[in-house]
Amino acid sequence: MRPAITRLSQMKRPKLLMKAAHFALEGYNRKRALPRILGKTPARHDHTIEELLLHEEQVESLRLSGGADYSPTRHIELLTAIIAEARSLAAPDQV
């Protein structure tokens, strides 16, 4: 899990994307969002973050390259899930 925390702390994304992701946290529902994002509902938050980070890195690469497949909505959805999962690791009793 340590590599995931390191990767999270080193993430640099545009402020607008991060503001949108933080705004979306209010409506985040793990049971609904993760099957849509990952195709399944993982049981462990630490494994979920790793998987989400992999997906987010791919989307970030598309954004930076100007790829036609880039979706800001998907990117915000991934960032929201990453933030929520990281918070649940920090305070598991509040999930």
N, C-alpha and C. Protein backbone atom coordinates (compact mmCIF):
# COMPACT_ATOMS: atom_id res chain seq x y z
N MET A 1 0.81 -1.18 0.00
CA MET A 1 0.00 0.00 0.00
C MET A 1 0.86 1.26 0.00
N ARG A 2 2.04 1.21 0.53
CA ARG A 2 2.94 2.37 0.58
C ARG A 2 3.16 2.98 -0.79
N PRO A 3 3.39 2.20 -1.85
CA PRO A 3 3.56 2.83 -3.17
C PRO A 3 2.34 3.65 -3.58
N ALA A 4 1.15 3.20 -3.24
CA ALA A 4 -0.07 3.93 -3.59
C ALA A 4 -0.11 5.28 -2.88
N ILE A 5 0.26 5.29 -1.61
CA ILE A 5 0.27 6.54 -0.85
C ILE A 5 1.30 7.50 -1.44
N THR A 6 2.45 6.97 -1.80
CA THR A 6 3.49 7.79 -2.41
C THR A 6 2.99 8.37 -3.73
N ARG A 7 2.37 7.54 -4.54
CA ARG A 7 1.85 8.00 -5.82
C ARG A 7 0.77 9.07 -5.63
N LEU A 8 -0.08 8.87 -4.63
CA LEU A 8 -1.12 9.86 -4.35
C LEU A 8 -0.53 11.20 -3.94
N SER A 9 0.48 11.16 -3.11
CA SER A 9 1.08 12.40 -2.62
C SER A 9 1.84 13.14 -3.72
N GLN A 10 2.24 12.43 -4.75
CA GLN A 10 3.00 13.04 -5.84
C GLN A 10 2.13 13.45 -7.04
N MET A 11 0.84 13.13 -6.99
CA MET A 11 -0.06 13.46 -8.09
C MET A 11 -0.19 14.96 -8.27
N LYS A 12 -0.07 15.39 -9.51
CA LYS A 12 -0.27 16.80 -9.86
C LYS A 12 -1.28 16.82 -11.00
N ARG A 13 -2.45 17.35 -10.70
CA ARG A 13 -3.51 17.44 -11.70
C ARG A 13 -4.04 18.86 -11.73
N PRO A 14 -4.66 19.27 -12.83
CA PRO A 14 -5.21 20.62 -12.92
C PRO A 14 -6.22 20.90 -11.79
N LYS A 15 -6.18 22.12 -11.29
CA LYS A 15 -7.04 22.51 -10.17
C LYS A 15 -8.51 22.31 -10.49
N LEU A 16 -8.91 22.60 -11.71
CA LEU A 16 -10.31 22.46 -12.08
C LEU A 16 -10.77 21.01 -11.96
N LEU A 17 -9.94 20.08 -12.42
CA LEU A 17 -10.28 18.66 -12.30
C LEU A 17 -10.40 18.26 -10.83
N MET A 18 -9.46 18.71 -10.02
CA MET A 18 -9.47 18.35 -8.60
C MET A 18 -10.67 18.98 -7.86
N LYS A 19 -11.00 20.22 -8.21
CA LYS A 19 -12.17 20.86 -7.59
C LYS A 19 -13.44 20.10 -7.95
N ALA A 20 -13.55 19.69 -9.20
CA ALA A 20 -14.72 18.93 -9.63
C ALA A 20 -14.79 17.59 -8.91
N ALA A 21 -13.65 16.94 -8.74
CA ALA A 21 -13.61 15.65 -8.05
C ALA A 21 -14.01 15.82 -6.58
N HIS A 22 -13.52 16.85 -5.93
CA HIS A 22 -13.88 17.10 -4.54
C HIS A 22 -15.36 17.44 -4.41
N PHE A 23 -15.89 18.18 -5.36
CA PHE A 23 -17.31 18.50 -5.36
C PHE A 23 -18.15 17.23 -5.50
N ALA A 24 -17.69 16.30 -6.34
CA ALA A 24 -18.42 15.05 -6.59
C ALA A 24 -18.37 14.08 -5.41
N LEU A 25 -17.48 14.31 -4.47
CA LEU A 25 -17.37 13.41 -3.31
C LEU A 25 -18.67 13.31 -2.53
N GLU A 26 -19.41 14.39 -2.49
CA GLU A 26 -20.67 14.41 -1.73
C GLU A 26 -21.63 13.31 -2.19
N GLY A 27 -21.65 13.04 -3.47
CA GLY A 27 -22.55 12.04 -4.02
C GLY A 27 -21.90 10.69 -4.28
N TYR A 28 -20.66 10.51 -3.83
CA TYR A 28 -19.94 9.26 -4.11
C TYR A 28 -20.56 8.10 -3.34
N ASN A 29 -20.85 7.04 -4.06
CA ASN A 29 -21.37 5.81 -3.47
C ASN A 29 -20.51 4.66 -4.01
N ARG A 30 -19.73 4.08 -3.12
CA ARG A 30 -18.77 3.04 -3.51
C ARG A 30 -19.43 1.88 -4.24
N LYS A 31 -20.55 1.42 -3.72
CA LYS A 31 -21.23 0.25 -4.30
C LYS A 31 -21.77 0.52 -5.70
N ARG A 32 -22.07 1.77 -5.97
CA ARG A 32 -22.57 2.13 -7.29
C ARG A 32 -21.45 2.52 -8.24
N ALA A 33 -20.47 3.26 -7.73
CA ALA A 33 -19.43 3.82 -8.59
C ALA A 33 -18.39 2.80 -9.05
N LEU A 34 -17.91 1.97 -8.14
CA LEU A 34 -16.82 1.06 -8.51
C LEU A 34 -17.19 0.02 -9.58
N PRO A 35 -18.38 -0.56 -9.52
CA PRO A 35 -18.72 -1.47 -10.63
C PRO A 35 -18.74 -0.77 -11.98
N ARG A 36 -19.18 0.49 -11.98
CA ARG A 36 -19.21 1.26 -13.23
C ARG A 36 -17.79 1.59 -13.69
N ILE A 37 -16.92 1.94 -12.75
CA ILE A 37 -15.57 2.36 -13.09
C ILE A 37 -14.66 1.17 -13.39
N LEU A 38 -14.72 0.15 -12.53
CA LEU A 38 -13.78 -0.98 -12.63
C LEU A 38 -14.41 -2.26 -13.15
N GLY A 39 -15.72 -2.30 -13.23
CA GLY A 39 -16.40 -3.52 -13.66
C GLY A 39 -16.62 -4.51 -12.52
N LYS A 40 -16.31 -4.09 -11.29
CA LYS A 40 -16.49 -4.95 -10.11
C LYS A 40 -16.43 -4.08 -8.86
N THR A 41 -16.83 -4.64 -7.73
CA THR A 41 -16.72 -3.96 -6.46
C THR A 41 -15.66 -4.66 -5.63
N PRO A 42 -14.43 -4.16 -5.63
CA PRO A 42 -13.38 -4.79 -4.84
C PRO A 42 -13.68 -4.67 -3.35
N ALA A 43 -13.25 -5.64 -2.60
CA ALA A 43 -13.51 -5.65 -1.16
C ALA A 43 -12.54 -4.76 -0.40
N ARG A 44 -11.28 -4.77 -0.79
CA ARG A 44 -10.26 -4.05 -0.03
C ARG A 44 -9.94 -2.70 -0.66
N HIS A 45 -9.94 -1.67 0.18
CA HIS A 45 -9.70 -0.31 -0.29
C HIS A 45 -8.28 -0.13 -0.84
N ASP A 46 -7.29 -0.79 -0.22
CA ASP A 46 -5.91 -0.59 -0.68
C ASP A 46 -5.70 -1.14 -2.09
N HIS A 47 -6.31 -2.28 -2.40
CA HIS A 47 -6.21 -2.83 -3.76
C HIS A 47 -7.01 -1.96 -4.74
N THR A 48 -8.10 -1.43 -4.27
CA THR A 48 -8.94 -0.59 -5.12
C THR A 48 -8.18 0.65 -5.55
N ILE A 49 -7.47 1.27 -4.61
CA ILE A 49 -6.71 2.47 -4.94
C ILE A 49 -5.66 2.17 -6.00
N GLU A 50 -4.98 1.06 -5.86
CA GLU A 50 -3.96 0.67 -6.86
C GLU A 50 -4.59 0.57 -8.25
N GLU A 51 -5.71 -0.10 -8.31
CA GLU A 51 -6.38 -0.30 -9.60
C GLU A 51 -6.89 1.03 -10.17
N LEU A 52 -7.47 1.86 -9.30
CA LEU A 52 -7.95 3.16 -9.74
C LEU A 52 -6.80 4.03 -10.24
N LEU A 53 -5.68 3.98 -9.55
CA LEU A 53 -4.51 4.77 -9.97
C LEU A 53 -4.02 4.35 -11.35
N LEU A 54 -4.06 3.06 -11.63
CA LEU A 54 -3.65 2.58 -12.95
C LEU A 54 -4.57 3.14 -14.04
N HIS A 55 -5.87 3.09 -13.79
CA HIS A 55 -6.84 3.63 -14.75
C HIS A 55 -6.66 5.14 -14.91
N GLU A 56 -6.45 5.83 -13.79
CA GLU A 56 -6.30 7.28 -13.83
C GLU A 56 -5.05 7.67 -14.59
N GLU A 57 -3.97 6.94 -14.42
CA GLU A 57 -2.74 7.24 -15.15
C GLU A 57 -2.94 7.12 -16.66
N GLN A 58 -3.73 6.14 -17.07
CA GLN A 58 -4.03 5.99 -18.49
C GLN A 58 -4.84 7.18 -19.01
N VAL A 59 -5.83 7.59 -18.23
CA VAL A 59 -6.66 8.73 -18.62
C VAL A 59 -5.83 10.01 -18.63
N GLU A 60 -4.96 10.17 -17.65
CA GLU A 60 -4.08 11.35 -17.59
C GLU A 60 -3.16 11.38 -18.81
N SER A 61 -2.68 10.23 -19.22
CA SER A 61 -1.83 10.16 -20.40
C SER A 61 -2.60 10.61 -21.64
N LEU A 62 -3.84 10.18 -21.75
CA LEU A 62 -4.69 10.62 -22.87
C LEU A 62 -4.90 12.14 -22.84
N ARG A 63 -5.13 12.66 -21.64
CA ARG A 63 -5.33 14.11 -21.50
C ARG A 63 -4.10 14.88 -21.96
N LEU A 64 -2.95 14.45 -21.50
CA LEU A 64 -1.71 15.14 -21.84
C LEU A 64 -1.36 15.05 -23.32
N SER A 65 -1.72 13.93 -23.93
CA SER A 65 -1.39 13.75 -25.35
C SER A 65 -2.44 14.35 -26.28
N GLY A 66 -3.56 14.81 -25.68
CA GLY A 66 -4.62 15.38 -26.50
C GLY A 66 -5.41 14.32 -27.24
N GLY A 67 -5.41 13.10 -26.71
CA GLY A 67 -6.11 11.99 -27.34
C GLY A 67 -7.61 12.23 -27.49
N ALA A 68 -8.14 11.81 -28.61
CA ALA A 68 -9.57 12.00 -28.89
C ALA A 68 -10.44 11.19 -27.95
N ASP A 69 -9.89 10.14 -27.36
CA ASP A 69 -10.65 9.29 -26.44
C ASP A 69 -10.73 9.85 -25.03
N TYR A 70 -10.06 10.98 -24.77
CA TYR A 70 -10.05 11.54 -23.42
C TYR A 70 -11.45 12.01 -23.03
N SER A 71 -11.85 11.62 -21.80
CA SER A 71 -13.14 12.03 -21.26
C SER A 71 -12.94 12.72 -19.92
N PRO A 72 -13.20 14.02 -19.84
CA PRO A 72 -13.08 14.72 -18.56
C PRO A 72 -14.01 14.12 -17.50
N THR A 73 -15.17 13.68 -17.92
CA THR A 73 -16.12 13.07 -17.00
C THR A 73 -15.53 11.81 -16.36
N ARG A 74 -14.95 10.97 -17.18
CA ARG A 74 -14.30 9.75 -16.67
C ARG A 74 -13.14 10.11 -15.75
N HIS A 75 -12.39 11.11 -16.11
CA HIS A 75 -11.24 11.51 -15.30
C HIS A 75 -11.71 11.98 -13.92
N ILE A 76 -12.74 12.80 -13.89
CA ILE A 76 -13.29 13.28 -12.62
C ILE A 76 -13.84 12.13 -11.80
N GLU A 77 -14.50 11.21 -12.46
CA GLU A 77 -15.04 10.03 -11.78
C GLU A 77 -13.92 9.21 -11.13
N LEU A 78 -12.83 9.03 -11.84
CA LEU A 78 -11.69 8.30 -11.29
C LEU A 78 -11.04 9.04 -10.13
N LEU A 79 -10.84 10.33 -10.30
CA LEU A 79 -10.23 11.13 -9.22
C LEU A 79 -11.11 11.13 -7.97
N THR A 80 -12.41 11.22 -8.16
CA THR A 80 -13.34 11.19 -7.04
C THR A 80 -13.23 9.86 -6.30
N ALA A 81 -13.21 8.77 -7.02
CA ALA A 81 -13.10 7.45 -6.41
C ALA A 81 -11.77 7.30 -5.68
N ILE A 82 -10.70 7.80 -6.26
CA ILE A 82 -9.38 7.71 -5.62
C ILE A 82 -9.39 8.47 -4.29
N ILE A 83 -9.92 9.67 -4.31
CA ILE A 83 -9.97 10.48 -3.09
C ILE A 83 -10.82 9.79 -2.03
N ALA A 84 -11.98 9.30 -2.43
CA ALA A 84 -12.88 8.63 -1.49
C ALA A 84 -12.24 7.38 -0.90
N GLU A 85 -11.60 6.58 -1.74
CA GLU A 85 -10.97 5.36 -1.26
C GLU A 85 -9.80 5.68 -0.33
N ALA A 86 -9.04 6.72 -0.65
CA ALA A 86 -7.93 7.12 0.21
C ALA A 86 -8.45 7.60 1.57
N ARG A 87 -9.53 8.33 1.56
CA ARG A 87 -10.13 8.79 2.82
C ARG A 87 -10.64 7.61 3.65
N SER A 88 -11.18 6.62 2.98
CA SER A 88 -11.69 5.46 3.72
C SER A 88 -10.57 4.65 4.34
N LEU A 89 -9.40 4.69 3.73
CA LEU A 89 -8.24 4.04 4.33
C LEU A 89 -7.78 4.80 5.57
N ALA A 90 -7.85 6.11 5.51
CA ALA A 90 -7.42 6.95 6.62
C ALA A 90 -8.39 6.87 7.79
N ALA A 91 -9.68 6.73 7.49
CA ALA A 91 -10.72 6.67 8.53
C ALA A 91 -11.73 5.59 8.17
N PRO A 92 -11.38 4.28 8.30
CA PRO A 92 -12.26 3.20 7.84
C PRO A 92 -13.60 3.15 8.55
N ASP A 93 -13.72 3.66 9.76
CA ASP A 93 -14.98 3.60 10.48
C ASP A 93 -16.00 4.62 9.97
N GLN A 94 -15.59 5.54 9.11
CA GLN A 94 -16.50 6.57 8.61
C GLN A 94 -17.03 6.24 7.23
N VAL A 95 -16.75 5.08 6.68
CA VAL A 95 -17.21 4.72 5.33
C VAL A 95 -18.62 4.21 5.39
